[in-house]
Amino acid sequence: MSQTIEIKVPDIGDYKDVPVIEVLAKAGDRIEKEQSIVVLESDKATMDVPSSHSGVVKEVKVKVGDNLSEGSVVIILEGGASSAATPVPATPAAAPTAKTVEPSIPRAPAPPPISNTPPPVGSAGSHASPSVRKFARELGVTISQVKGSGPKGRITQEDVQAFVKAAMSGGAGSPAAASSGGSLGGLNLIPWPKVDFTRFGEIERQPLNRIKKLTAANLGRNWVMIPAVTYHEDADITDLEAFRVLTNKENEKKGIKITILAFLMKAAVAALKKYPEFNSSLDGDDLILKKYFNIGFAADAPTGLVVPVIKDADKKGIFELAKETSELAALARNGKLKLDQMQGASFTISSLGGIGGTYFSPIVNAPDVAILGVSKAAMKPVWDGKQFVPRLICPLSLSADHRVIDGALATRFHVYIAELLADFRRASL
């Protein structure tokens, strides 16, 4: 007699209500243990959920667009042996070699329009998971003002996003603006222009993937809600670069290659220790000063920009930092970053040095209060008091939340990082 087994979502870290973007099994299929049965996609990564048992699929309990959490039943099997399983990031079939049009991803039905009448203030009666409540708080939205589209009026992350989108696009006179207390709608934004581009010529429509859409929403929120100011500074890295090249040559046979990013991280840690306000986050009227030093760095991935995090960067040397950043960057390029490898940053570095550029204004990565942008270094003539001499100059751009960091403090922090890069012996003081 066959045994009926429920296959559930295993531990996926702190993430809850993660959308299903693909179902890989159907009733009657023969499933082997460790075989992928569904694909989930959070705001940071895509994950395959494998089966913990083998057997024949009796019933599929989910569909594309459903939101799953740890313990959610995915399929019901008949028979099979068990095996511990954990979700793994989906691996692309091949690294993209040319720009391609990404196929459309099935989406959950759009939430209904927000009611003109805001619900009473107070979130006690609002049905939403802790992760959705946290997401709403980060966006400055009172959860009780959001109309839920889930079962029994449950509020989903998509509902919160729709609420914010309506508030930002509808202006102060929109229903969403009226119910948001002016936190977003108070900007009095006019509606986004609707244009029929086919009137002017041939077009091609490419749907954004989920990660790019959520990244756009997060960056849009940060740009609108954080009063950030960008400060520019030039760092003379002539001696540091000579030391880096010499060190790499000496360790060539060991396969160790140090990048300038490792030195930037070490300099950032030293500056964060000297100016702790930069290693903080705002929580209402309180400033949370962090005693740990986790440095995030922007990395390119096939699905969009991601931010891997080096944990406890203050406890690691240059070689270790270089090795770990290289490994995480490779995982990002291959779409294999795990969720916990993109969480917990207290300061972020966005380096465009390998591409080019001179200066730019990086957007603060909330809940951080600052981000350091790095552009391509170039040889420039510098006056030494007697003559112009060629020096390798690296442009730095620091964006900081002015609610926490004023101009004087930001400039001191920025100048200190430039001084460290010019003479790295200062980092040991």
Protein backbone atom coordinates (compact mmCIF):
# COMPACT_ATOMS: atom_id res chain seq x y z
CA MET A 1 0.00 0.00 0.00
CA SER A 2 1.50 3.35 -1.04
CA GLN A 3 2.27 6.06 1.48
CA THR A 4 0.91 9.60 1.04
CA ILE A 5 3.56 12.26 1.66
CA GLU A 6 3.21 16.04 1.83
CA ILE A 7 6.19 17.85 0.27
CA LYS A 8 6.64 21.21 1.97
CA VAL A 9 8.82 24.28 1.47
CA PRO A 10 11.98 23.85 3.58
CA ASP A 11 13.82 26.58 5.47
CA ILE A 12 14.32 29.60 3.18
CA GLY A 13 15.76 31.98 5.76
CA ASP A 14 13.89 35.10 6.82
CA TYR A 15 11.79 35.27 3.66
CA LYS A 16 8.04 34.68 3.78
CA ASP A 17 5.31 34.83 1.15
CA VAL A 18 7.75 34.27 -1.73
CA PRO A 19 5.93 34.13 -5.10
CA VAL A 20 5.88 31.00 -7.26
CA ILE A 21 7.07 31.82 -10.78
CA GLU A 22 7.15 28.29 -12.19
CA VAL A 23 5.60 24.92 -11.34
CA LEU A 24 7.74 22.01 -12.56
CA ALA A 25 5.51 19.06 -11.64
CA LYS A 26 1.98 17.92 -12.46
CA ALA A 27 -0.30 15.14 -11.30
CA GLY A 28 0.90 11.74 -12.48
CA ASP A 29 4.57 12.73 -12.82
CA ARG A 30 7.24 10.52 -11.32
CA ILE A 31 9.40 12.66 -9.01
CA GLU A 32 12.84 11.71 -7.69
CA LYS A 33 14.20 13.06 -4.43
CA GLU A 34 16.16 16.32 -4.89
CA GLN A 35 14.26 16.98 -8.14
CA SER A 36 13.05 20.59 -8.44
CA ILE A 37 9.28 20.91 -8.17
CA VAL A 38 8.69 24.69 -8.08
CA VAL A 39 10.73 27.86 -8.60
CA LEU A 40 10.38 30.78 -6.20
CA GLU A 41 11.59 34.32 -6.80
CA SER A 42 12.19 36.81 -3.99
CA ASP A 43 13.27 40.41 -4.46
CA LYS A 44 16.89 39.23 -4.47
CA ALA A 45 17.20 35.75 -5.92
CA THR A 46 15.53 32.85 -7.71
CA MET A 47 15.32 29.54 -5.82
CA ASP A 48 14.50 26.00 -6.87
CA VAL A 49 12.59 24.02 -4.24
CA PRO A 50 13.53 20.32 -4.49
CA SER A 51 11.43 17.37 -3.41
CA SER A 52 12.51 15.73 -0.16
CA HIS A 53 11.04 12.38 -1.29
CA SER A 54 10.59 10.34 -4.44
CA GLY A 55 7.24 9.09 -5.70
CA VAL A 56 4.34 9.81 -8.02
CA VAL A 57 2.62 13.19 -7.83
CA LYS A 58 -0.91 12.70 -6.56
CA GLU A 59 -1.84 16.38 -6.33
CA VAL A 60 -0.21 19.77 -6.93
CA LYS A 61 -1.26 22.23 -4.21
CA VAL A 62 0.20 25.43 -5.70
CA LYS A 63 0.04 27.45 -8.90
CA VAL A 64 2.02 30.26 -10.46
CA GLY A 65 1.45 33.47 -8.50
CA ASP A 66 0.87 31.79 -5.12
CA ASN A 67 2.97 33.05 -2.21
CA LEU A 68 4.80 30.34 -0.23
CA SER A 69 6.64 30.33 3.08
CA GLU A 70 8.52 27.70 5.05
CA GLY A 71 6.16 24.78 5.72
CA SER A 72 3.78 25.49 2.84
CA VAL A 73 2.57 22.28 1.16
CA VAL A 74 3.68 22.18 -2.48
CA ILE A 75 2.69 18.72 -3.74
CA ILE A 76 1.36 15.43 -2.40
CA LEU A 77 3.26 12.28 -3.37
CA GLU A 78 2.50 8.60 -3.16
CA GLY A 79 5.45 6.58 -1.75
CA GLY A 80 9.18 7.33 -1.62
CA ALA A 81 12.29 7.64 0.52
CA SER A 82 13.20 10.84 2.34
CA SER A 83 16.22 13.09 1.99
CA ALA A 84 16.96 16.40 3.68
CA ALA A 85 16.60 19.18 1.15
CA THR A 86 17.21 22.88 1.04
CA PRO A 87 16.31 25.33 -1.71
CA VAL A 88 19.13 26.24 -4.06
CA PRO A 89 19.36 29.21 -6.42
CA ALA A 90 18.34 28.40 -9.97
CA THR A 91 21.28 28.17 -12.37
CA PRO A 92 20.87 29.82 -15.78
CA ALA A 93 21.19 27.41 -18.70
CA ALA A 94 24.01 29.51 -20.15
CA ALA A 95 25.63 32.84 -19.43
CA PRO A 96 24.17 35.47 -21.75
CA THR A 97 26.54 36.45 -24.54
CA ALA A 98 24.31 39.03 -26.16
CA LYS A 99 21.40 41.19 -25.19
CA THR A 100 18.28 39.09 -25.25
CA VAL A 101 14.62 39.69 -24.64
CA GLU A 102 13.66 38.10 -21.36
CA PRO A 103 10.54 35.95 -21.55
CA SER A 104 7.49 37.13 -19.72
CA ILE A 105 7.11 35.78 -16.19
CA PRO A 106 3.61 34.81 -15.11
CA ARG A 107 2.36 37.15 -12.44
CA ALA A 108 -0.18 37.02 -9.71
CA PRO A 109 -3.41 38.88 -10.48
CA ALA A 110 -3.10 42.59 -9.81
CA PRO A 111 -4.66 43.71 -6.53
CA PRO A 112 -7.93 45.58 -6.80
CA PRO A 113 -7.98 49.38 -6.77
CA ILE A 114 -7.52 51.00 -3.37
CA SER A 115 -10.73 52.01 -1.72
CA ASN A 116 -11.62 55.71 -1.59
CA THR A 117 -12.46 55.34 2.07
CA PRO A 118 -9.40 54.63 4.20
CA PRO A 119 -9.85 52.02 6.88
CA PRO A 120 -9.63 53.11 10.51
CA VAL A 121 -6.11 53.78 11.80
CA GLY A 122 -4.60 50.95 13.82
CA SER A 123 -3.07 47.80 12.41
CA ALA A 124 -4.38 45.30 14.92
CA GLY A 125 -7.20 44.18 12.63
CA SER A 126 -5.10 44.09 9.47
CA HIS A 127 -4.17 40.63 8.25
CA ALA A 128 -0.53 40.62 7.07
CA SER A 129 2.55 38.55 7.74
CA PRO A 130 5.47 40.00 9.75
CA SER A 131 7.55 40.30 6.58
CA VAL A 132 4.82 42.29 4.83
CA ARG A 133 4.40 44.55 7.88
CA LYS A 134 8.16 45.18 7.91
CA PHE A 135 8.08 45.91 4.18
CA ALA A 136 5.26 48.43 4.73
CA ARG A 137 7.15 50.14 7.58
CA GLU A 138 10.23 50.51 5.36
CA LEU A 139 8.08 52.25 2.75
CA GLY A 140 6.49 54.54 5.33
CA VAL A 141 3.03 52.99 4.87
CA THR A 142 0.57 52.33 7.68
CA ILE A 143 -0.53 48.75 7.13
CA SER A 144 -4.15 49.45 8.13
CA GLN A 145 -4.48 51.83 5.18
CA VAL A 146 -3.80 49.07 2.64
CA LYS A 147 -6.63 47.00 1.19
CA GLY A 148 -5.72 43.31 1.06
CA SER A 149 -6.33 41.16 -2.00
CA GLY A 150 -5.36 37.82 -0.46
CA PRO A 151 -7.62 35.19 1.12
CA LYS A 152 -9.96 36.75 3.69
CA GLY A 153 -8.54 40.19 2.92
CA ARG A 154 -4.97 39.25 3.76
CA ILE A 155 -2.47 41.97 2.76
CA THR A 156 0.34 40.89 0.45
CA GLN A 157 3.56 42.61 -0.52
CA GLU A 158 2.05 43.33 -3.93
CA ASP A 159 -0.82 45.18 -2.20
CA VAL A 160 1.66 47.42 -0.38
CA GLN A 161 3.56 48.09 -3.61
CA ALA A 162 0.32 48.94 -5.42
CA PHE A 163 -0.61 51.32 -2.61
CA VAL A 164 2.73 53.13 -2.84
CA LYS A 165 2.59 53.25 -6.64
CA ALA A 166 -0.88 54.77 -6.52
CA ALA A 167 0.21 57.32 -3.93
CA MET A 168 3.27 58.37 -5.91
CA SER A 169 1.59 58.56 -9.31
CA GLY A 170 -1.79 59.92 -8.27
CA GLY A 171 -0.64 63.04 -6.41
CA ALA A 172 -2.22 64.63 -3.38
CA GLY A 173 -5.70 64.40 -4.77
CA SER A 174 -5.72 60.65 -5.30
CA PRO A 175 -7.45 58.23 -2.94
CA ALA A 176 -4.10 56.70 -2.02
CA ALA A 177 -2.67 60.12 -1.26
CA ALA A 178 -5.63 60.98 0.94
CA SER A 179 -5.21 57.79 2.96
CA SER A 180 -1.42 57.99 3.21
CA GLY A 181 -1.47 61.08 5.36
CA GLY A 182 0.64 62.93 2.81
CA SER A 183 3.78 60.81 3.39
CA LEU A 184 4.02 60.08 -0.33
CA GLY A 185 1.02 61.69 -1.97
CA GLY A 186 1.98 64.97 -0.32
CA LEU A 187 4.59 65.35 -3.06
CA ASN A 188 1.69 66.35 -5.31
CA LEU A 189 3.12 64.43 -8.27
CA ILE A 190 1.25 64.62 -11.55
CA PRO A 191 0.30 61.31 -13.20
CA TRP A 192 2.97 59.53 -15.23
CA PRO A 193 2.57 60.36 -18.96
CA LYS A 194 0.89 57.70 -21.09
CA VAL A 195 2.33 57.74 -24.60
CA ASP A 196 1.55 55.59 -27.62
CA PHE A 197 5.12 55.22 -28.87
CA THR A 198 4.00 53.28 -31.95
CA ARG A 199 2.87 56.61 -33.38
CA PHE A 200 6.51 57.60 -33.82
CA GLY A 201 8.05 54.40 -35.10
CA GLU A 202 8.72 50.72 -34.50
CA ILE A 203 9.08 49.58 -30.89
CA GLU A 204 9.82 46.40 -28.95
CA ARG A 205 8.24 45.75 -25.54
CA GLN A 206 10.38 43.88 -23.00
CA PRO A 207 8.74 42.99 -19.67
CA LEU A 208 10.93 43.70 -16.64
CA ASN A 209 11.69 40.67 -14.51
CA ARG A 210 10.52 40.64 -10.92
CA ILE A 211 13.93 41.52 -9.45
CA LYS A 212 14.30 44.58 -11.67
CA LYS A 213 10.77 45.72 -10.87
CA LEU A 214 11.34 45.45 -7.11
CA THR A 215 14.74 47.08 -7.42
CA ALA A 216 13.10 49.97 -9.25
CA ALA A 217 10.47 50.26 -6.51
CA ASN A 218 13.08 50.24 -3.74
CA LEU A 219 15.35 52.76 -5.45
CA GLY A 220 12.38 54.98 -6.27
CA ARG A 221 11.34 54.92 -2.62
CA ASN A 222 14.89 55.70 -1.45
CA TRP A 223 15.30 58.55 -3.94
CA VAL A 224 12.00 60.15 -2.92
CA MET A 225 12.09 59.59 0.84
CA ILE A 226 15.78 60.03 1.74
CA PRO A 227 17.07 63.63 1.61
CA ALA A 228 20.47 62.54 0.35
CA VAL A 229 23.36 64.82 -0.59
CA THR A 230 26.29 63.64 -2.72
CA TYR A 231 29.84 64.79 -1.96
CA HIS A 232 32.77 64.34 -4.36
CA GLU A 233 36.42 63.82 -3.49
CA ASP A 234 39.58 62.78 -5.36
CA ALA A 235 41.85 60.13 -3.84
CA ASP A 236 45.49 59.86 -4.90
CA ILE A 237 46.00 56.09 -5.20
CA THR A 238 49.36 56.20 -7.03
CA ASP A 239 51.32 54.49 -4.26
CA LEU A 240 48.46 52.14 -3.35
CA GLU A 241 48.12 50.94 -6.93
CA ALA A 242 51.89 50.37 -7.21
CA PHE A 243 51.75 48.33 -4.00
CA ARG A 244 48.73 46.37 -5.28
CA VAL A 245 50.44 45.51 -8.58
CA LEU A 246 53.67 44.48 -6.81
CA THR A 247 51.77 42.32 -4.31
CA ASN A 248 49.83 40.57 -7.07
CA LYS A 249 53.06 39.89 -8.94
CA GLU A 250 54.68 38.42 -5.83
CA ASN A 251 51.69 36.15 -5.23
CA GLU A 252 51.03 35.27 -8.86
CA LYS A 253 51.92 31.60 -8.38
CA LYS A 254 49.51 31.34 -5.44
CA GLY A 255 46.61 32.43 -7.61
CA ILE A 256 45.83 35.37 -5.31
CA LYS A 257 44.75 38.62 -6.94
CA ILE A 258 44.00 41.73 -4.90
CA THR A 259 41.58 44.30 -6.30
CA ILE A 260 41.23 47.94 -5.28
CA LEU A 261 37.82 47.02 -3.82
CA ALA A 262 39.49 45.13 -0.97
CA PHE A 263 41.43 48.27 0.02
CA LEU A 264 38.26 50.36 -0.31
CA MET A 265 36.46 48.02 2.11
CA LYS A 266 39.30 48.19 4.62
CA ALA A 267 39.36 51.99 4.36
CA ALA A 268 35.58 52.12 4.78
CA VAL A 269 35.75 50.03 7.95
CA ALA A 270 38.38 52.34 9.44
CA ALA A 271 36.26 55.39 8.57
CA LEU A 272 33.10 53.79 9.99
CA LYS A 273 34.90 53.16 13.27
CA LYS A 274 36.05 56.79 13.45
CA TYR A 275 32.67 58.18 12.42
CA PRO A 276 30.05 55.70 13.81
CA GLU A 277 27.08 57.73 12.54
CA PHE A 278 27.80 56.30 9.10
CA ASN A 279 27.35 52.77 10.48
CA SER A 280 23.79 53.38 11.59
CA SER A 281 20.13 53.29 10.57
CA LEU A 282 17.13 55.45 11.40
CA ASP A 283 14.26 53.77 13.26
CA GLY A 284 11.56 56.35 13.81
CA ASP A 285 13.03 58.96 16.15
CA ASP A 286 15.92 56.67 17.18
CA LEU A 287 19.32 56.17 15.60
CA ILE A 288 20.51 52.55 15.65
CA LEU A 289 24.31 52.51 15.95
CA LYS A 290 25.67 49.18 14.73
CA LYS A 291 28.65 47.50 16.36
CA TYR A 292 29.26 45.19 13.40
CA PHE A 293 30.86 46.07 10.06
CA ASN A 294 29.19 44.34 7.13
CA ILE A 295 30.09 45.89 3.78
CA GLY A 296 27.85 45.43 0.75
CA PHE A 297 29.10 45.93 -2.79
CA ALA A 298 27.10 46.35 -5.98
CA ALA A 299 27.55 43.50 -8.47
CA ASP A 300 26.16 42.80 -11.94
CA ALA A 301 23.91 39.76 -12.35
CA PRO A 302 21.97 38.42 -15.35
CA THR A 303 18.68 39.47 -13.74
CA GLY A 304 19.88 42.90 -12.59
CA LEU A 305 21.94 44.63 -9.93
CA VAL A 306 22.47 42.74 -6.65
CA VAL A 307 24.38 43.63 -3.48
CA PRO A 308 26.41 40.78 -1.96
CA VAL A 309 27.57 41.42 1.62
CA ILE A 310 30.97 40.79 3.23
CA LYS A 311 30.19 39.94 6.85
CA ASP A 312 32.56 41.11 9.64
CA ALA A 313 34.84 42.94 7.21
CA ASP A 314 36.71 44.43 10.18
CA LYS A 315 37.98 40.97 11.13
CA LYS A 316 39.34 40.10 7.67
CA GLY A 317 42.60 40.99 5.96
CA ILE A 318 43.11 42.32 2.44
CA PHE A 319 43.72 38.88 0.92
CA GLU A 320 40.63 37.42 2.56
CA LEU A 321 38.47 40.36 1.47
CA ALA A 322 39.75 40.09 -2.10
CA LYS A 323 39.06 36.35 -2.20
CA GLU A 324 35.57 36.65 -0.76
CA THR A 325 34.50 39.54 -3.01
CA SER A 326 35.75 37.62 -6.05
CA GLU A 327 33.79 34.52 -5.03
CA LEU A 328 30.58 36.46 -4.33
CA ALA A 329 30.87 38.40 -7.59
CA ALA A 330 31.20 35.10 -9.48
CA LEU A 331 28.11 33.73 -7.73
CA ALA A 332 26.23 36.90 -8.67
CA ARG A 333 27.20 36.56 -12.35
CA ASN A 334 26.02 32.95 -12.36
CA GLY A 335 22.77 33.70 -10.51
CA LYS A 336 23.78 31.49 -7.56
CA LEU A 337 23.84 33.98 -4.68
CA LYS A 338 21.98 32.77 -1.59
CA LEU A 339 19.60 35.03 0.28
CA ASP A 340 21.74 35.26 3.40
CA GLN A 341 24.67 36.43 1.25
CA MET A 342 22.73 39.60 0.40
CA GLN A 343 21.50 40.56 3.86
CA GLY A 344 22.84 42.54 6.80
CA ALA A 345 24.89 45.29 5.11
CA SER A 346 25.59 48.38 7.20
CA PHE A 347 27.46 50.32 4.47
CA THR A 348 27.61 49.86 0.69
CA ILE A 349 30.25 50.48 -1.97
CA SER A 350 29.24 50.87 -5.62
CA SER A 351 32.34 50.64 -7.81
CA LEU A 352 32.18 51.49 -11.51
CA GLY A 353 35.96 51.56 -11.89
CA GLY A 354 36.04 48.56 -14.17
CA ILE A 355 33.59 50.21 -16.57
CA GLY A 356 34.53 53.88 -16.56
CA GLY A 357 32.92 57.14 -15.56
CA THR A 358 34.13 60.13 -13.57
CA TYR A 359 31.61 60.99 -10.85
CA PHE A 360 28.03 59.95 -10.13
CA SER A 361 25.37 60.18 -7.42
CA PRO A 362 24.72 56.70 -5.95
CA ILE A 363 21.32 56.21 -4.30
CA VAL A 364 21.48 55.38 -0.59
CA ASN A 365 20.65 51.73 -0.02
CA ALA A 366 18.04 51.89 2.78
CA PRO A 367 18.17 51.22 5.67
CA ASP A 368 21.83 52.35 5.37
CA VAL A 369 22.48 56.07 5.76
CA ALA A 370 25.34 56.35 3.24
CA ILE A 371 26.85 54.75 0.14
CA LEU A 372 30.28 55.26 -1.45
CA GLY A 373 30.52 55.45 -5.23
CA VAL A 374 33.86 54.78 -6.93
CA SER A 375 34.67 55.71 -10.53
CA LYS A 376 37.58 54.86 -12.83
CA ALA A 377 41.01 56.09 -11.76
CA ALA A 378 43.00 58.13 -14.27
CA MET A 379 46.45 59.71 -14.48
CA LYS A 380 46.29 63.50 -13.93
CA PRO A 381 48.83 66.28 -13.50
CA VAL A 382 49.05 67.35 -9.84
CA TRP A 383 50.99 70.39 -8.58
CA ASP A 384 53.43 69.40 -5.82
CA GLY A 385 54.49 72.94 -4.99
CA LYS A 386 57.28 73.10 -7.56
CA GLN A 387 55.99 71.30 -10.63
CA PHE A 388 53.19 69.22 -12.08
CA VAL A 389 53.69 65.49 -11.56
CA PRO A 390 51.59 62.58 -12.89
CA ARG A 391 49.44 60.98 -10.20
CA LEU A 392 46.76 58.27 -10.37
CA ILE A 393 43.54 59.91 -9.17
CA CYS A 394 40.43 57.92 -8.17
CA PRO A 395 37.12 59.88 -8.11
CA LEU A 396 34.94 59.14 -5.07
CA SER A 397 31.25 60.05 -4.67
CA LEU A 398 29.63 59.76 -1.24
CA SER A 399 25.82 60.01 -0.87
CA ALA A 400 24.60 60.47 2.69
CA ASP A 401 21.22 60.84 4.42
CA HIS A 402 21.16 64.48 5.56
CA ARG A 403 18.75 63.62 8.39
CA VAL A 404 21.62 61.80 10.10
CA ILE A 405 24.77 63.20 8.49
CA ASP A 406 25.35 66.90 7.85
CA GLY A 407 27.73 68.34 5.29
CA ALA A 408 30.65 68.87 7.66
CA LEU A 409 30.55 65.28 8.96
CA ALA A 410 30.16 63.85 5.45
CA THR A 411 33.15 65.84 4.21
CA ARG A 412 35.34 64.73 7.13
CA PHE A 413 34.40 61.09 6.52
CA HIS A 414 35.04 61.41 2.79
CA VAL A 415 38.38 63.19 3.19
CA TYR A 416 39.49 60.56 5.72
CA ILE A 417 38.81 57.72 3.25
CA ALA A 418 40.81 59.60 0.60
CA GLU A 419 43.68 60.05 3.08
CA LEU A 420 43.66 56.33 3.88
CA LEU A 421 43.82 55.41 0.21
CA ALA A 422 46.67 57.88 -0.37
CA ASP A 423 48.71 56.43 2.51
CA PHE A 424 47.32 53.11 3.67
CA ARG A 425 49.61 53.07 6.70
CA ARG A 426 47.04 55.34 8.34
CA ALA A 427 44.58 52.40 8.42
CA SER A 428 46.73 50.72 11.10
CA LEU A 429 46.66 53.74 13.43
